[in-house]
Every structure is written in structure tokens, then in C-alpha cells.
Amino acid sequence: MKKFITFVMILNTMLFASNHKETDAQRKAREQEHLKEQMAKEKKYSKEQKFYNQDDYDFSGAEVNPDSVKSTPELEVDDLDMDSVYD
């Protein structure tokens, strides 16, 4: 029985580790794609060399990618009592 439990634990650990690498590769691919997009924008801005107004900017690049939200860890928030901050 102990051998079976040990085997199951090792198997689960290996499966978890392989799944984590897959998401790591996906995250890095998203980062590279975003980096290429931003570099292309910077090249365009450096060629034009002009100041932009808010009407000229494309703000779609500042939107949050839904795929990256899934891989973001959830933050633990402590209760903050503002009364104790000023004591």
C-alpha cells in the first residue's frame, strides 16, 4: 500500500511539473508576441518623430490580454485597518 501511494504521489508530481512547463512556454510565447508588437510601434514612432495627441494613439495595445489573466497568480490581501496606521 505504501508503494502504491508513493507511486501515485510521484506520478502526480511529474504530471503537475509537465503541465507547468507547458504554461510557461505559452506565457513566453505571449510575451515574445507582445514584445514584437511594441517594437514595431516604436519603430513607427521613431521614423515619424512627432508628438501625438490623444486622438492619434491606438490604446488597444494597453488592454489586458485575457490569456495572461488566467496565468496570473491570485494575490492574498491582508485586512488593512487604517486606524492603526496613524497610531
C-alpha atoms as a PDB file:
ATOM      1  CA  MET A   1       0.000   0.000   0.000  1.00  0.00           C
ATOM      2  CA  LYS A   2       2.826   2.392   0.831  1.00  0.00           C
ATOM      3  CA  LYS A   3       4.457   1.697  -2.510  1.00  0.00           C
ATOM      4  CA  PHE A   4       1.210   2.435  -4.318  1.00  0.00           C
ATOM      5  CA  ILE A   5       0.720   5.750  -2.510  1.00  0.00           C
ATOM      6  CA  THR A   6       4.345   6.695  -3.188  1.00  0.00           C
ATOM      7  CA  PHE A   7       3.945   5.816  -6.857  1.00  0.00           C
ATOM      8  CA  VAL A   8       0.765   7.909  -7.142  1.00  0.00           C
ATOM      9  CA  MET A   9       2.434  10.884  -5.453  1.00  0.00           C
ATOM     10  CA  ILE A  10       5.449  10.706  -7.774  1.00  0.00           C
ATOM     11  CA  LEU A  11       3.202  10.363 -10.810  1.00  0.00           C
ATOM     12  CA  ASN A  12       1.095  13.371  -9.757  1.00  0.00           C
ATOM     13  CA  THR A  13       4.220  15.434  -9.168  1.00  0.00           C
ATOM     14  CA  MET A  14       5.555  14.616 -12.610  1.00  0.00           C
ATOM     15  CA  LEU A  15       2.226  15.429 -14.263  1.00  0.00           C
ATOM     16  CA  PHE A  16       1.987  18.731 -12.420  1.00  0.00           C
ATOM     17  CA  ALA A  17       5.537  19.669 -13.424  1.00  0.00           C
ATOM     18  CA  SER A  18       4.932  18.844 -17.086  1.00  0.00           C
ATOM     19  CA  ASN A  19       1.740  20.918 -17.104  1.00  0.00           C
ATOM     20  CA  HIS A  20       3.589  23.854 -15.542  1.00  0.00           C
ATOM     21  CA  LYS A  21       6.248  23.805 -18.278  1.00  0.00           C
ATOM     22  CA  GLU A  22       3.557  23.904 -20.929  1.00  0.00           C
ATOM     23  CA  THR A  23       2.009  27.030 -19.462  1.00  0.00           C
ATOM     24  CA  ASP A  24       5.489  28.519 -19.109  1.00  0.00           C
ATOM     25  CA  ALA A  25       6.071  28.049 -22.833  1.00  0.00           C
ATOM     26  CA  GLN A  26       2.716  29.602 -23.644  1.00  0.00           C
ATOM     27  CA  ARG A  27       3.458  32.576 -21.389  1.00  0.00           C
ATOM     28  CA  LYS A  28       6.837  33.135 -23.006  1.00  0.00           C
ATOM     29  CA  ALA A  29       5.291  32.945 -26.483  1.00  0.00           C
ATOM     30  CA  ARG A  30       2.717  35.607 -25.488  1.00  0.00           C
ATOM     31  CA  GLU A  31       5.492  37.810 -24.106  1.00  0.00           C
ATOM     32  CA  GLN A  32       7.526  37.494 -27.308  1.00  0.00           C
ATOM     33  CA  GLU A  33       4.498  38.336 -29.460  1.00  0.00           C
ATOM     34  CA  HIS A  34       3.713  41.395 -27.347  1.00  0.00           C
ATOM     35  CA  LEU A  35       7.346  42.485 -27.454  1.00  0.00           C
ATOM     36  CA  LYS A  36       7.406  42.279 -31.266  1.00  0.00           C
ATOM     37  CA  GLU A  37       4.226  44.371 -31.494  1.00  0.00           C
ATOM     38  CA  GLN A  38       5.647  47.044 -29.202  1.00  0.00           C
ATOM     39  CA  MET A  39       8.958  47.140 -31.084  1.00  0.00           C
ATOM     40  CA  ALA A  40       7.085  47.653 -34.361  1.00  0.00           C
ATOM     41  CA  LYS A  41       5.192  50.574 -32.815  1.00  0.00           C
ATOM     42  CA  GLU A  42       8.413  52.096 -31.522  1.00  0.00           C
ATOM     43  CA  LYS A  43       9.989  51.844 -34.986  1.00  0.00           C
ATOM     44  CA  LYS A  44       6.982  53.649 -36.441  1.00  0.00           C
ATOM     45  CA  TYR A  45       7.169  56.374 -33.803  1.00  0.00           C
ATOM     46  CA  SER A  46      10.925  56.839 -34.266  1.00  0.00           C
ATOM     47  CA  LYS A  47      10.544  57.249 -38.034  1.00  0.00           C
ATOM     48  CA  GLU A  48       7.732  59.769 -37.772  1.00  0.00           C
ATOM     49  CA  GLN A  49       9.332  61.710 -34.896  1.00  0.00           C
ATOM     50  CA  LYS A  50       6.315  63.749 -33.987  1.00  0.00           C
ATOM     51  CA  PHE A  51       4.311  64.315 -30.849  1.00  0.00           C
ATOM     52  CA  TYR A  52       0.962  62.611 -30.729  1.00  0.00           C
ATOM     53  CA  ASN A  53      -2.310  63.841 -29.284  1.00  0.00           C
ATOM     54  CA  GLN A  54      -4.689  61.504 -27.527  1.00  0.00           C
ATOM     55  CA  ASP A  55      -6.745  61.176 -30.715  1.00  0.00           C
ATOM     56  CA  ASP A  56      -3.723  59.802 -32.593  1.00  0.00           C
ATOM     57  CA  TYR A  57      -2.893  56.981 -30.174  1.00  0.00           C
ATOM     58  CA  ASP A  58      -4.085  53.403 -30.522  1.00  0.00           C
ATOM     59  CA  PHE A  59      -4.946  52.341 -26.956  1.00  0.00           C
ATOM     60  CA  SER A  60      -5.837  48.763 -27.896  1.00  0.00           C
ATOM     61  CA  GLY A  61      -2.272  47.697 -27.039  1.00  0.00           C
ATOM     62  CA  ALA A  62      -2.798  48.756 -23.436  1.00  0.00           C
ATOM     63  CA  GLU A  63      -5.737  46.397 -22.998  1.00  0.00           C
ATOM     64  CA  VAL A  64      -5.276  43.323 -20.831  1.00  0.00           C
ATOM     65  CA  ASN A  65      -4.790  40.057 -22.690  1.00  0.00           C
ATOM     66  CA  PRO A  66      -7.411  37.554 -21.385  1.00  0.00           C
ATOM     67  CA  ASP A  67      -4.942  34.672 -21.792  1.00  0.00           C
ATOM     68  CA  SER A  68      -2.458  36.299 -19.427  1.00  0.00           C
ATOM     69  CA  VAL A  69      -5.131  36.870 -16.772  1.00  0.00           C
ATOM     70  CA  LYS A  70      -5.626  33.115 -16.397  1.00  0.00           C
ATOM     71  CA  SER A  71      -1.951  32.575 -15.577  1.00  0.00           C
ATOM     72  CA  THR A  72      -1.693  35.477 -13.129  1.00  0.00           C
ATOM     73  CA  PRO A  73      -1.493  34.282  -9.506  1.00  0.00           C
ATOM     74  CA  GLU A  74      -4.185  35.499  -7.162  1.00  0.00           C
ATOM     75  CA  LEU A  75      -2.906  37.958  -4.568  1.00  0.00           C
ATOM     76  CA  GLU A  76      -3.589  37.475  -0.904  1.00  0.00           C
ATOM     77  CA  VAL A  77      -4.779  40.705   0.668  1.00  0.00           C
ATOM     78  CA  ASP A  78      -4.412  41.308   4.379  1.00  0.00           C
ATOM     79  CA  ASP A  79      -7.042  43.259   6.206  1.00  0.00           C
ATOM     80  CA  LEU A  80      -5.765  46.799   6.435  1.00  0.00           C
ATOM     81  CA  ASP A  81      -7.001  48.804   9.352  1.00  0.00           C
ATOM     82  CA  MET A  82      -6.267  52.453   8.581  1.00  0.00           C
ATOM     83  CA  ASP A  83      -6.802  53.454  12.215  1.00  0.00           C
ATOM     84  CA  SER A  84      -3.694  51.545  13.300  1.00  0.00           C
ATOM     85  CA  VAL A  85      -1.567  53.106  10.557  1.00  0.00           C
ATOM     86  CA  TYR A  86      -1.633  56.570  12.120  1.00  0.00           C
ATOM     87  CA  ASP A  87      -1.047  55.462  15.734  1.00  0.00           C
END
